[in-house]
N, C-alpha and C. Protein backbone atom coordinates (compact mmCIF):
# COMPACT_ATOMS: atom_id res chain seq x y z
N UNK A 1 157.57 166.78 189.80
CA UNK A 1 157.10 168.34 189.46
C UNK A 1 155.62 168.68 190.30
N UNK A 2 155.47 169.90 190.90
CA UNK A 2 154.53 170.66 191.78
C UNK A 2 153.51 170.76 190.32
N UNK A 3 152.41 171.45 190.39
CA UNK A 3 151.48 171.72 189.43
C UNK A 3 151.72 173.74 189.52
N UNK A 4 152.66 174.53 190.53
CA UNK A 4 152.54 175.81 190.41
C UNK A 4 153.61 175.94 189.35
N UNK A 5 154.64 174.25 188.43
CA UNK A 5 155.59 174.56 187.32
C UNK A 5 154.63 174.40 185.92
N UNK A 6 153.26 173.54 186.06
CA UNK A 6 153.49 173.81 185.38
C UNK A 6 152.12 174.94 184.56
N UNK A 7 152.11 175.67 183.25
CA UNK A 7 151.35 176.58 182.91
C UNK A 7 150.05 176.12 182.71
N UNK A 8 149.64 176.99 183.05
CA UNK A 8 147.57 176.73 182.95
C UNK A 8 147.16 176.76 181.63
N UNK A 9 146.41 176.06 181.98
CA UNK A 9 145.56 176.14 180.14
C UNK A 9 145.29 177.51 179.51
N UNK A 10 144.45 177.27 178.64
CA UNK A 10 143.59 178.50 177.77
C UNK A 10 142.37 178.90 179.03
N UNK A 11 141.93 180.13 178.65
CA UNK A 11 140.58 179.95 178.96
C UNK A 11 139.10 179.14 178.35
N UNK A 12 138.94 178.39 178.66
CA UNK A 12 138.04 177.65 178.22
C UNK A 12 137.98 176.18 178.15
N UNK A 13 139.42 176.10 179.18
CA UNK A 13 139.83 174.98 178.36
C UNK A 13 139.82 173.59 179.95
N UNK A 14 139.90 172.48 179.70
CA UNK A 14 139.83 171.79 181.32
C UNK A 14 140.73 171.01 181.66
N UNK A 15 141.84 171.44 180.14
CA UNK A 15 143.35 171.07 180.73
C UNK A 15 143.04 169.63 180.49
N UNK A 16 142.06 168.79 180.17
CA UNK A 16 141.93 167.71 179.38
C UNK A 16 143.13 167.56 177.73
N UNK A 17 142.97 166.13 177.72
CA UNK A 17 144.08 165.75 176.70
C UNK A 17 142.65 165.95 175.17
N UNK A 18 143.02 166.37 174.08
CA UNK A 18 142.46 167.26 172.66
C UNK A 18 141.19 165.89 172.59
N UNK A 19 140.12 166.82 171.59
CA UNK A 19 139.47 165.41 171.29
C UNK A 19 138.94 165.41 170.24
N UNK A 20 139.64 165.68 168.89
CA UNK A 20 140.09 165.36 167.89
C UNK A 20 141.19 164.96 167.70
N UNK A 21 141.11 164.27 165.95
CA UNK A 21 141.99 163.04 165.62
C UNK A 21 143.60 163.71 165.60
N UNK A 22 144.22 163.96 166.64
CA UNK A 22 145.89 164.11 166.67
C UNK A 22 146.52 163.36 167.13
N UNK A 23 147.33 163.57 165.92
CA UNK A 23 148.08 162.55 165.61
C UNK A 23 149.41 161.92 167.51
N UNK A 24 149.73 163.30 168.15
CA UNK A 24 151.12 163.04 168.70
C UNK A 24 150.97 161.96 169.78
N UNK A 25 151.25 162.64 170.64
CA UNK A 25 151.20 162.19 172.02
C UNK A 25 149.91 161.76 172.56
N UNK A 26 149.30 160.86 172.87
CA UNK A 26 148.32 160.85 173.98
C UNK A 26 147.85 162.52 174.76
N UNK A 27 148.88 163.02 174.94
CA UNK A 27 148.86 164.30 176.62
C UNK A 27 148.42 165.50 175.15
N UNK A 28 148.92 165.15 174.12
CA UNK A 28 148.76 166.12 173.33
C UNK A 28 150.18 167.16 173.59
N UNK A 29 149.23 168.90 173.02
CA UNK A 29 149.98 169.60 173.05
C UNK A 29 150.51 170.63 174.95
N UNK A 30 150.33 169.76 175.90
CA UNK A 30 150.58 170.57 176.97
C UNK A 30 151.33 169.39 177.72
N UNK A 31 151.28 169.68 178.47
CA UNK A 31 152.40 169.06 180.09
C UNK A 31 151.67 167.67 180.13
N UNK A 32 152.53 166.38 180.41
CA UNK A 32 152.48 165.39 180.68
C UNK A 32 151.90 165.57 182.31
N UNK A 33 152.85 166.18 182.99
CA UNK A 33 151.81 166.02 184.65
C UNK A 33 150.56 166.45 184.06
N UNK A 34 150.38 166.83 183.27
CA UNK A 34 148.66 167.55 183.53
C UNK A 34 147.54 166.84 182.99
N UNK A 35 148.07 166.01 181.84
CA UNK A 35 147.17 164.48 181.60
C UNK A 35 147.30 163.80 182.48
N UNK A 36 148.26 163.33 183.16
CA UNK A 36 148.80 162.22 183.95
C UNK A 36 147.48 162.79 185.37
N UNK A 37 146.94 163.93 185.96
CA UNK A 37 146.24 164.00 186.58
C UNK A 37 144.74 163.86 186.27
N UNK A 38 144.73 164.44 184.55
CA UNK A 38 143.29 164.44 184.02
C UNK A 38 142.77 163.32 184.36
N UNK A 39 144.23 162.39 183.49
CA UNK A 39 143.39 161.38 183.32
C UNK A 39 143.12 160.16 185.01
N UNK A 40 144.14 160.37 186.36
CA UNK A 40 144.08 160.15 187.70
C UNK A 40 142.03 160.07 187.76
N UNK A 41 141.98 161.60 188.13
CA UNK A 41 140.66 162.25 188.49
C UNK A 41 139.28 161.48 187.55
N UNK A 42 139.69 161.75 186.29
CA UNK A 42 138.45 160.51 184.92
C UNK A 42 138.64 159.40 185.60
N UNK A 43 138.96 158.36 186.42
CA UNK A 43 139.20 157.17 186.47
C UNK A 43 138.47 157.49 187.86
N UNK A 44 138.17 157.71 189.26
CA UNK A 44 138.66 157.95 190.04
C UNK A 44 136.60 158.98 189.90
N UNK A 45 137.06 159.33 189.18
CA UNK A 45 135.53 159.72 189.03
C UNK A 45 134.43 158.75 188.61
N UNK A 46 134.37 157.58 187.61
CA UNK A 46 133.77 156.01 187.78
C UNK A 46 134.00 155.89 188.02
N UNK A 47 135.30 155.37 188.94
CA UNK A 47 135.53 154.07 189.63
C UNK A 47 134.54 154.17 190.95
N UNK A 48 133.40 153.95 190.75
CA UNK A 48 132.97 153.67 192.41
C UNK A 48 132.17 152.18 192.53
N UNK A 49 132.16 152.64 194.41
CA UNK A 49 131.88 150.98 194.79
C UNK A 49 129.76 149.92 194.10
N UNK A 50 130.24 148.52 194.13
CA UNK A 50 129.46 148.64 193.65
C UNK A 50 128.18 148.48 193.97
N UNK A 51 127.83 149.00 195.29
CA UNK A 51 126.40 148.95 195.52
C UNK A 51 126.12 150.68 195.09
N UNK A 52 126.49 151.98 195.21
CA UNK A 52 126.94 153.23 194.50
C UNK A 52 126.48 152.68 192.92
N UNK A 53 126.92 152.31 192.05
CA UNK A 53 126.47 151.66 190.76
C UNK A 53 125.78 151.17 190.70
N UNK A 54 124.74 150.03 191.40
CA UNK A 54 123.74 149.69 191.35
C UNK A 54 122.31 150.62 191.58
N UNK A 55 122.72 151.69 192.50
CA UNK A 55 121.80 152.32 192.88
C UNK A 55 121.40 153.09 192.05
N UNK A 56 122.83 153.96 191.06
CA UNK A 56 122.54 154.47 190.37
C UNK A 56 122.52 154.32 189.28
N UNK A 57 121.99 152.83 188.65
CA UNK A 57 121.80 152.19 187.70
C UNK A 57 120.29 152.23 187.93
N UNK A 58 119.63 151.49 189.21
CA UNK A 58 118.20 151.32 189.54
C UNK A 58 117.54 152.87 188.81
N UNK A 59 118.34 154.11 189.25
CA UNK A 59 117.52 155.13 189.88
C UNK A 59 117.43 156.25 187.83
N UNK A 60 118.35 155.31 187.67
CA UNK A 60 118.39 155.58 185.80
C UNK A 60 117.59 154.81 184.78
N UNK A 61 116.96 153.68 185.06
CA UNK A 61 116.07 152.80 184.59
C UNK A 61 114.98 153.40 185.20
N UNK A 62 114.59 153.60 186.21
CA UNK A 62 113.39 154.68 186.78
C UNK A 62 112.91 155.83 186.19
N UNK A 63 114.30 157.06 185.42
CA UNK A 63 114.38 158.26 184.86
C UNK A 63 114.32 157.75 183.53
N UNK A 64 114.46 156.58 183.17
CA UNK A 64 114.28 155.61 181.30
C UNK A 64 115.81 156.20 181.18
N UNK A 65 116.98 156.47 181.82
CA UNK A 65 118.80 157.41 181.39
C UNK A 65 119.22 155.89 181.99
N UNK A 66 120.05 156.12 180.90
CA UNK A 66 121.03 154.68 180.74
C UNK A 66 122.12 155.50 182.36
N UNK A 67 123.11 154.72 182.45
CA UNK A 67 124.13 154.49 184.40
C UNK A 67 124.89 155.84 183.51
N UNK A 68 125.49 155.65 182.78
CA UNK A 68 125.93 156.88 182.34
C UNK A 68 125.66 157.96 181.94
N UNK A 69 124.71 158.50 181.12
CA UNK A 69 123.85 159.46 181.08
C UNK A 69 123.39 159.88 183.33
N UNK A 70 122.69 159.11 184.02
CA UNK A 70 122.63 158.93 184.55
C UNK A 70 123.91 159.47 185.52
N UNK A 71 125.02 159.50 186.26
CA UNK A 71 126.00 159.69 186.58
C UNK A 71 126.35 160.40 185.61
N UNK A 72 126.69 161.45 184.64
CA UNK A 72 127.74 162.23 184.31
C UNK A 72 126.67 163.63 184.52
N UNK A 73 125.13 163.71 184.65
CA UNK A 73 124.62 164.26 185.32
C UNK A 73 124.52 164.73 187.25
N UNK A 74 124.52 163.92 187.62
CA UNK A 74 125.13 163.82 189.13
C UNK A 74 126.11 164.45 189.43
N UNK A 75 127.35 164.24 188.00
CA UNK A 75 128.37 164.77 188.06
C UNK A 75 128.47 166.57 187.91
N UNK A 76 127.56 166.20 187.01
CA UNK A 76 128.16 168.15 186.21
C UNK A 76 126.99 168.89 187.50
N UNK A 77 126.25 168.80 187.82
CA UNK A 77 125.15 169.19 188.49
C UNK A 77 125.43 169.22 190.67
N UNK A 78 125.31 167.93 190.37
CA UNK A 78 125.71 167.80 191.82
C UNK A 78 124.20 167.24 192.44
N UNK A 79 123.36 167.16 191.29
CA UNK A 79 121.99 166.92 192.09
C UNK A 79 121.74 165.38 191.57
N UNK A 80 120.72 164.00 192.48
CA UNK A 80 120.19 163.09 191.33
C UNK A 80 119.02 163.71 190.72
N UNK A 81 118.80 162.99 190.20
CA UNK A 81 117.64 163.71 189.10
C UNK A 81 116.68 162.28 188.98
N UNK A 82 114.72 162.53 189.45
CA UNK A 82 114.62 162.39 189.90
C UNK A 82 113.23 162.18 188.61
N UNK A 83 112.48 161.09 189.10
CA UNK A 83 112.15 160.76 187.39
C UNK A 83 110.50 161.53 187.32
N UNK A 84 110.21 162.71 188.21
CA UNK A 84 109.71 163.43 188.07
C UNK A 84 110.52 165.00 187.39
N UNK A 85 111.71 164.70 187.51
CA UNK A 85 111.94 165.80 186.30
C UNK A 85 112.15 166.17 185.00
N UNK A 86 111.29 166.03 184.40
CA UNK A 86 111.16 165.74 182.92
C UNK A 86 111.58 166.29 181.78
N UNK A 87 111.66 167.42 182.37
CA UNK A 87 112.48 168.53 181.16
C UNK A 87 114.11 167.74 181.32
N UNK A 88 114.77 168.12 181.98
CA UNK A 88 115.74 167.40 182.52
C UNK A 88 115.67 165.80 181.27
N UNK A 89 115.41 165.47 182.18
CA UNK A 89 115.61 163.95 180.92
C UNK A 89 115.04 163.78 179.77
N UNK A 90 114.44 165.37 179.40
CA UNK A 90 113.79 165.21 178.61
C UNK A 90 114.92 165.91 176.86
N UNK A 91 115.45 166.82 178.58
CA UNK A 91 116.71 167.69 177.65
C UNK A 91 118.04 165.79 177.29
N UNK A 92 118.97 165.65 178.21
CA UNK A 92 119.28 164.83 178.09
C UNK A 92 119.17 163.22 177.08
N UNK A 93 117.60 163.39 176.95
CA UNK A 93 117.75 162.08 176.38
C UNK A 93 118.16 162.68 174.50
N UNK A 94 117.62 164.64 173.86
CA UNK A 94 117.91 165.30 172.97
C UNK A 94 119.07 165.19 172.48
N UNK A 95 119.71 164.46 173.67
CA UNK A 95 121.05 165.12 173.98
C UNK A 95 122.07 163.13 172.40
N UNK A 96 121.27 162.54 172.60
CA UNK A 96 121.66 161.21 172.56
C UNK A 96 122.20 160.74 171.56
N UNK A 97 123.14 159.93 170.97
CA UNK A 97 123.32 160.33 168.96
C UNK A 97 122.60 159.12 168.88
N UNK A 98 122.04 159.52 167.28
CA UNK A 98 121.13 158.49 166.92
C UNK A 98 121.87 157.73 166.36
């Protein structure tokens, strides 16, 4: 099935699975094809070669962030955080769950 046959997601929705305590199938109320594509893209975004992971881990530790926080910032903003980006680092640390 191609993407032209899949109905577009609602405005403001990224097409991923539901984040609440939904009891139905993992793809929610949407189309299973969109769910499979979303899962594949999610796995590919986090699966990087070992040297890239080590590079990001080193940079994250220098900035006082976790690997996940640092990598997510790269994926969302498209730029690597530097240790002197104090405002950005403070904003990320403030979002942490306590």
